[in-house]
């Protein structure tokens, strides 16, 4: 694991070094996600439009395979389903 010490500017801005931006596909005017974890912050490249559309397609296929009948939803733990997809 590589750790870098970066200076935080007056507006809370941090510059991600070029080598890391290139490695992780972070582009100018692109977006990143900041995840607050227990004792740290993680900066993650936000998925692009194509990646998001692919995730939606895959999710639709998965849901088609699990089509529930009326009354079956009471047996599902929707929070568990949601968390499975995030992993």
Protein backbone atom coordinates (compact mmCIF):
# COMPACT_ATOMS: atom_id res chain seq x y z
CA UNK A 1 0.00 0.00 0.00
CA UNK A 2 1.31 3.43 -0.95
CA UNK A 3 0.71 6.34 1.39
CA UNK A 4 1.23 9.93 0.29
CA UNK A 5 1.19 13.04 2.42
CA UNK A 6 -0.78 15.72 0.56
CA UNK A 7 -1.31 19.33 1.52
CA UNK A 8 -4.89 20.51 1.98
CA UNK A 9 -5.54 23.94 0.46
CA UNK A 10 -7.56 26.77 2.02
CA UNK A 11 -10.81 25.50 0.45
CA UNK A 12 -10.21 21.89 1.55
CA UNK A 13 -8.86 20.92 -1.86
CA UNK A 14 -6.32 18.15 -2.34
CA UNK A 15 -4.41 17.50 -5.58
CA UNK A 16 -4.28 13.84 -6.57
CA UNK A 17 -0.85 13.19 -8.13
CA UNK A 18 -0.83 12.65 -11.90
CA UNK A 19 0.56 9.12 -11.68
CA UNK A 20 -2.39 8.07 -9.50
CA UNK A 21 -4.97 9.89 -11.63
CA UNK A 22 -3.65 8.07 -14.70
CA UNK A 23 -3.51 4.69 -12.95
CA UNK A 24 -7.10 4.93 -11.69
CA UNK A 25 -8.62 6.67 -14.70
CA UNK A 26 -9.47 9.94 -12.97
CA UNK A 27 -9.77 12.59 -15.66
CA UNK A 28 -10.02 16.37 -15.61
CA UNK A 29 -13.64 17.43 -15.03
CA UNK A 30 -14.41 13.83 -14.04
CA UNK A 31 -15.87 12.77 -10.72
CA UNK A 32 -14.64 10.84 -7.72
CA UNK A 33 -16.51 9.42 -4.76
CA UNK A 34 -15.30 10.07 -1.23
CA UNK A 35 -16.18 7.24 1.12
CA UNK A 36 -16.13 7.94 4.85
CA UNK A 37 -14.89 4.83 6.59
CA UNK A 38 -14.29 4.17 10.28
CA UNK A 39 -11.08 6.19 10.68
CA UNK A 40 -10.30 7.19 7.12
CA UNK A 41 -11.52 8.68 3.86
CA UNK A 42 -11.23 6.75 0.61
CA UNK A 43 -11.22 8.47 -2.78
CA UNK A 44 -12.67 6.24 -5.49
CA UNK A 45 -13.17 6.95 -9.19
CA UNK A 46 -16.86 7.42 -9.88
CA UNK A 47 -18.19 5.02 -12.51
CA UNK A 48 -18.72 6.43 -15.98
CA UNK A 49 -22.00 6.38 -17.86
CA UNK A 50 -21.18 3.14 -19.69
CA UNK A 51 -20.22 1.40 -16.45
CA UNK A 52 -23.42 2.58 -14.80
CA UNK A 53 -25.55 1.41 -17.73
CA UNK A 54 -23.85 -1.99 -17.64
CA UNK A 55 -24.53 -2.26 -13.90
CA UNK A 56 -28.20 -1.45 -14.57
CA UNK A 57 -28.37 -4.11 -17.32
CA UNK A 58 -26.82 -6.72 -15.06
CA UNK A 59 -29.13 -5.76 -12.19
CA UNK A 60 -32.20 -6.09 -14.45
CA UNK A 61 -31.09 -9.57 -15.51
CA UNK A 62 -30.54 -10.58 -11.91
CA UNK A 63 -33.95 -9.26 -10.91
CA UNK A 64 -35.65 -11.07 -13.80
CA UNK A 65 -34.20 -14.30 -12.49
CA UNK A 66 -35.65 -13.54 -9.06
CA UNK A 67 -39.15 -12.44 -10.09
CA UNK A 68 -41.27 -12.66 -6.98
CA UNK A 69 -44.96 -13.42 -6.81
CA UNK A 70 -47.37 -11.42 -4.73
CA UNK A 71 -46.83 -12.29 -1.08
CA UNK A 72 -43.25 -13.51 -1.53
CA UNK A 73 -41.76 -10.08 -0.84
CA UNK A 74 -42.53 -10.50 2.85
CA UNK A 75 -39.90 -13.25 2.92
CA UNK A 76 -37.14 -11.13 1.32
CA UNK A 77 -34.70 -8.99 3.25
CA UNK A 78 -34.40 -6.02 0.89
CA UNK A 79 -31.58 -4.44 2.88
CA UNK A 80 -29.54 -7.63 2.51
CA UNK A 81 -30.29 -7.69 -1.23
CA UNK A 82 -29.12 -4.10 -1.60
CA UNK A 83 -25.91 -4.73 0.35
CA UNK A 84 -25.13 -7.81 -1.79
CA UNK A 85 -25.14 -5.66 -4.92
CA UNK A 86 -22.71 -3.15 -3.46
CA UNK A 87 -20.06 -5.77 -2.76
